[in-house]
Amino acid sequence: AVVNLDNSVVDLETLQALYENRAQSDELEKIEKHSKASKEKENAKSLDKPEQFLYELSLIPNFSERVFCILFQSTFSESICSIRRKLELLQKLCEVGVMQVLGLVLAFGNYMNGGNRTRGQADGFGLDILPKLKDVKSSDNSRSLLSYIVSYYLRNFDEDAGKEQCIFPLPDPQDLFQASQMKFEDFQKDLRKMKKDLRVCETEAAKVYQLSLEEHLQPFKDSMEQF
């Protein structure tokens, strides 16, 4: 199944478990030493089932290298798509309504601070002020800055305000929540790991090409070169 890339015999989840539990070089050395000594002695104790299983697993041509490449290939597209989906969601949220609303906040803030040389005509504002917009009241205390921004937006930007075809101007709250959890550091970390694993995959695949018998090269070689 491993040599023929046949996932119907051994699925990827099982393959992952086999890869994680494969015998390491020092363990394999002890198993082989015991196996060799057993053949030379009469009535020698044979390998226990787990050790026998690990030994037979090691007889599969380049098992470790092959399985690393197979597993990496199987998750690569999914990982890339996951990152792309998150970034596309983030981009969509930045383009839908949010810029106009934030532009109004900045414009009104600049106007209100117009007489103050240190705070007027600011190039931006901290996002931490957004929850405080509802606390800024008009001189007669009848409405907040937040309600004024909303009504201004409805009057000047939303042509369908009050009509049946009117849609909520901001993104879906669930999308906003998801985007709020995203960190560029995490994207960079994930991409660095994928880049590193891709290099390892190239190295491991090259070992298989070099060390495998001709009869064991395909379909692995074609599949990996295409990948």
Protein backbone atom coordinates (compact mmCIF):
# COMPACT_ATOMS: atom_id res chain seq x y z
CA ALA A 1 0.00 0.00 0.00
CA VAL A 2 2.81 2.44 0.86
CA VAL A 3 4.86 1.62 -2.23
CA ASN A 4 1.82 1.81 -4.52
CA LEU A 5 0.33 4.92 -2.83
CA ASP A 6 -2.88 3.00 -2.23
CA ASN A 7 -4.92 4.86 0.43
CA SER A 8 -7.79 2.39 0.11
CA VAL A 9 -5.73 -0.27 1.89
CA VAL A 10 -4.16 1.93 4.58
CA ASP A 11 -5.86 5.31 5.04
CA LEU A 12 -3.92 8.47 5.77
CA GLU A 13 -4.92 8.55 9.44
CA THR A 14 -3.53 5.05 9.99
CA LEU A 15 -0.44 5.97 7.99
CA GLN A 16 0.10 8.98 10.27
CA ALA A 17 -0.12 6.72 13.34
CA LEU A 18 2.32 4.20 11.82
CA TYR A 19 4.75 7.01 10.95
CA GLU A 20 4.63 8.49 14.46
CA ASN A 21 5.16 5.08 16.08
CA ARG A 22 7.84 3.76 13.71
CA ALA A 23 11.01 2.41 15.28
CA GLN A 24 13.77 4.97 15.65
CA SER A 25 17.29 4.05 14.52
CA ASP A 26 18.53 3.10 18.03
CA GLU A 27 15.42 0.96 18.67
CA LEU A 28 15.75 -0.72 15.29
CA GLU A 29 19.39 -1.46 15.95
CA LYS A 30 18.48 -3.32 19.17
CA ILE A 31 15.65 -5.22 17.46
CA GLU A 32 17.91 -6.30 14.58
CA LYS A 33 20.67 -7.29 16.99
CA HIS A 34 18.25 -9.44 19.01
CA SER A 35 16.79 -10.98 15.84
CA LYS A 36 20.25 -11.88 14.58
CA ALA A 37 21.31 -13.33 17.94
CA SER A 38 18.10 -15.39 18.10
CA LYS A 39 18.89 -17.12 14.83
CA GLU A 40 22.28 -18.19 16.14
CA LYS A 41 20.92 -19.67 19.40
CA GLU A 42 18.72 -22.61 19.96
CA ASN A 43 15.54 -22.01 22.00
CA ALA A 44 16.17 -18.26 21.85
CA LYS A 45 13.29 -16.02 22.78
CA SER A 46 11.63 -14.65 19.65
CA LEU A 47 10.62 -11.02 19.22
CA ASP A 48 7.42 -9.93 20.90
CA LYS A 49 4.60 -8.85 18.56
CA PRO A 50 5.16 -5.07 18.78
CA GLU A 51 8.88 -5.40 18.08
CA GLN A 52 8.21 -7.89 15.29
CA PHE A 53 5.72 -5.43 13.79
CA LEU A 54 8.21 -2.54 13.94
CA TYR A 55 10.89 -4.72 12.38
CA GLU A 56 8.62 -5.72 9.48
CA LEU A 57 7.58 -2.10 9.01
CA SER A 58 11.25 -1.17 8.61
CA LEU A 59 11.56 -3.71 5.76
CA ILE A 60 9.24 -1.60 3.58
CA PRO A 61 11.60 0.20 1.15
CA ASN A 62 12.32 3.71 2.55
CA PHE A 63 9.20 3.60 4.71
CA SER A 64 9.95 6.73 6.74
CA GLU A 65 10.88 8.92 3.75
CA ARG A 66 7.96 7.75 1.64
CA VAL A 67 5.35 8.23 4.35
CA PHE A 68 6.62 11.72 5.29
CA CYS A 69 6.20 12.80 1.65
CA ILE A 70 2.79 11.14 1.27
CA LEU A 71 1.44 12.78 4.45
CA PHE A 72 2.85 16.20 3.59
CA GLN A 73 1.44 16.05 0.07
CA SER A 74 -1.99 15.09 1.44
CA THR A 75 -2.21 18.08 3.81
CA PHE A 76 -0.43 20.73 1.71
CA SER A 77 -3.40 21.90 -0.40
CA GLU A 78 -5.73 21.91 2.60
CA SER A 79 -3.28 24.03 4.63
CA ILE A 80 -2.78 26.54 1.81
CA CYS A 81 -6.54 26.78 1.22
CA SER A 82 -7.18 27.34 4.93
CA ILE A 83 -4.77 30.30 5.03
CA ARG A 84 -6.17 31.69 1.77
CA ARG A 85 -9.77 31.48 3.05
CA LYS A 86 -8.87 33.40 6.21
CA LEU A 87 -7.03 36.12 4.29
CA GLU A 88 -9.86 36.47 1.77
CA LEU A 89 -12.35 36.84 4.63
CA LEU A 90 -10.14 39.51 6.21
CA GLN A 91 -9.84 41.35 2.89
CA LYS A 92 -13.61 41.18 2.30
CA LEU A 93 -14.31 42.63 5.75
CA CYS A 94 -11.94 45.51 5.12
CA GLU A 95 -13.72 46.37 1.88
CA VAL A 96 -17.38 46.04 2.95
CA GLY A 97 -18.72 49.14 4.68
CA VAL A 98 -16.07 49.19 7.39
CA MET A 99 -13.86 51.76 5.65
CA GLN A 100 -16.76 54.22 5.25
CA VAL A 101 -17.81 53.85 8.88
CA LEU A 102 -14.24 54.27 10.15
CA GLY A 103 -13.82 57.23 7.77
CA LEU A 104 -16.82 58.92 9.41
CA VAL A 105 -15.39 58.29 12.89
CA LEU A 106 -12.10 59.92 11.83
CA ALA A 107 -13.82 62.87 10.11
CA PHE A 108 -16.12 63.64 13.06
CA GLY A 109 -13.26 63.16 15.51
CA ASN A 110 -11.12 65.63 13.57
CA TYR A 111 -13.99 68.12 13.43
CA MET A 112 -14.64 67.88 17.16
CA ASN A 113 -10.94 68.31 17.91
CA GLY A 114 -10.56 71.06 15.29
CA GLY A 115 -9.85 73.78 17.85
CA ASN A 116 -7.16 71.71 19.56
CA ARG A 117 -3.75 71.96 17.90
CA THR A 118 -2.39 68.77 19.44
CA ARG A 119 -5.43 66.59 18.66
CA GLY A 120 -7.11 68.21 15.62
CA GLN A 121 -6.60 66.77 12.12
CA ALA A 122 -5.25 63.46 13.35
CA ASP A 123 -4.04 61.01 10.71
CA GLY A 124 -5.71 58.14 12.53
CA PHE A 125 -7.09 56.90 15.82
CA GLY A 126 -6.70 53.90 18.10
CA LEU A 127 -9.33 51.18 17.66
CA ASP A 128 -9.79 51.20 21.42
CA ILE A 129 -11.87 54.41 21.11
CA LEU A 130 -14.64 52.65 19.16
CA PRO A 131 -16.46 51.23 22.22
CA LYS A 132 -16.34 54.73 23.75
CA LEU A 133 -18.29 56.46 20.94
CA LYS A 134 -21.56 55.75 22.79
CA ASP A 135 -20.21 57.65 25.83
CA VAL A 136 -19.61 60.92 23.90
CA LYS A 137 -22.89 62.89 24.28
CA SER A 138 -24.34 65.93 22.54
CA SER A 139 -24.45 69.23 24.49
CA ASP A 140 -28.08 68.61 25.49
CA ASN A 141 -27.28 64.96 26.33
CA SER A 142 -30.04 63.74 24.01
CA ARG A 143 -27.91 61.54 21.74
CA SER A 144 -24.48 59.92 21.53
CA LEU A 145 -21.79 60.27 18.89
CA LEU A 146 -22.43 56.64 17.97
CA SER A 147 -26.13 57.25 17.16
CA TYR A 148 -25.19 60.38 15.16
CA ILE A 149 -22.65 58.39 13.04
CA VAL A 150 -25.28 55.70 12.39
CA SER A 151 -27.94 58.19 11.31
CA TYR A 152 -25.43 60.11 9.15
CA TYR A 153 -24.40 56.87 7.45
CA LEU A 154 -28.05 55.94 6.76
CA ARG A 155 -28.82 59.40 5.31
CA ASN A 156 -25.72 59.79 3.14
CA PHE A 157 -24.40 56.34 2.25
CA ASP A 158 -27.27 53.84 2.37
CA GLU A 159 -29.62 54.55 -0.56
CA ASP A 160 -31.91 51.69 0.47
CA ALA A 161 -32.27 52.71 4.11
CA GLY A 162 -35.78 51.96 5.33
CA LYS A 163 -36.69 49.98 2.22
CA GLU A 164 -37.26 46.24 1.86
CA GLN A 165 -34.07 45.75 -0.15
CA CYS A 166 -32.01 47.41 2.59
CA ILE A 167 -29.15 45.20 3.81
CA PHE A 168 -27.08 45.35 6.98
CA PRO A 169 -24.12 47.58 6.06
CA LEU A 170 -21.55 45.76 8.17
CA PRO A 171 -20.22 42.21 7.74
CA ASP A 172 -21.73 39.19 9.45
CA PRO A 173 -20.89 39.31 13.20
CA GLN A 174 -19.50 35.74 13.03
CA ASP A 175 -17.12 36.80 10.24
CA LEU A 176 -16.07 39.82 12.27
CA PHE A 177 -15.38 37.60 15.28
CA GLN A 178 -13.30 35.18 13.20
CA ALA A 179 -11.28 38.04 11.71
CA SER A 180 -10.68 39.52 15.17
CA GLN A 181 -8.95 36.27 16.19
CA MET A 182 -6.51 36.34 13.25
CA LYS A 183 -2.86 37.28 13.73
CA PHE A 184 -0.39 37.83 10.91
CA GLU A 185 2.27 36.24 13.11
CA ASP A 186 0.28 32.99 12.99
CA PHE A 187 0.05 33.12 9.18
CA GLN A 188 3.79 33.73 8.93
CA LYS A 189 4.53 30.91 11.38
CA ASP A 190 2.31 28.46 9.43
CA LEU A 191 3.85 29.45 6.09
CA ARG A 192 7.40 29.15 7.48
CA LYS A 193 6.61 25.63 8.71
CA MET A 194 5.14 24.66 5.34
CA LYS A 195 8.18 26.03 3.54
CA LYS A 196 10.49 24.10 5.87
CA ASP A 197 8.47 20.86 5.46
CA LEU A 198 8.46 21.32 1.69
CA ARG A 199 12.27 21.41 1.71
CA VAL A 200 12.34 18.29 3.89
CA CYS A 201 9.88 16.62 1.51
CA GLU A 202 12.20 17.35 -1.43
CA THR A 203 15.15 15.88 0.47
CA GLU A 204 13.23 12.77 1.57
CA ALA A 205 11.87 12.19 -1.94
CA ALA A 206 15.40 12.47 -3.37
CA LYS A 207 16.53 9.73 -0.94
CA VAL A 208 13.75 7.45 -2.19
CA TYR A 209 14.74 8.05 -5.85
CA GLN A 210 18.37 7.33 -5.00
CA LEU A 211 17.97 4.28 -2.74
CA SER A 212 14.92 2.47 -4.15
CA LEU A 213 15.05 -0.41 -6.56
CA GLU A 214 13.70 0.42 -10.00
CA GLU A 215 10.58 -1.68 -9.36
CA HIS A 216 9.74 0.40 -6.26
CA LEU A 217 10.23 3.86 -7.80
CA GLN A 218 6.78 4.25 -9.37
CA PRO A 219 4.19 5.61 -8.86
CA PHE A 220 5.97 7.51 -6.04
CA LYS A 221 8.48 9.30 -8.27
CA ASP A 222 5.91 10.61 -10.77
CA SER A 223 3.49 11.66 -8.02
CA MET A 224 6.14 13.59 -6.07
CA GLU A 225 7.70 15.27 -9.11
CA GLN A 226 4.25 16.43 -10.21
CA PHE A 227 3.52 17.67 -6.65
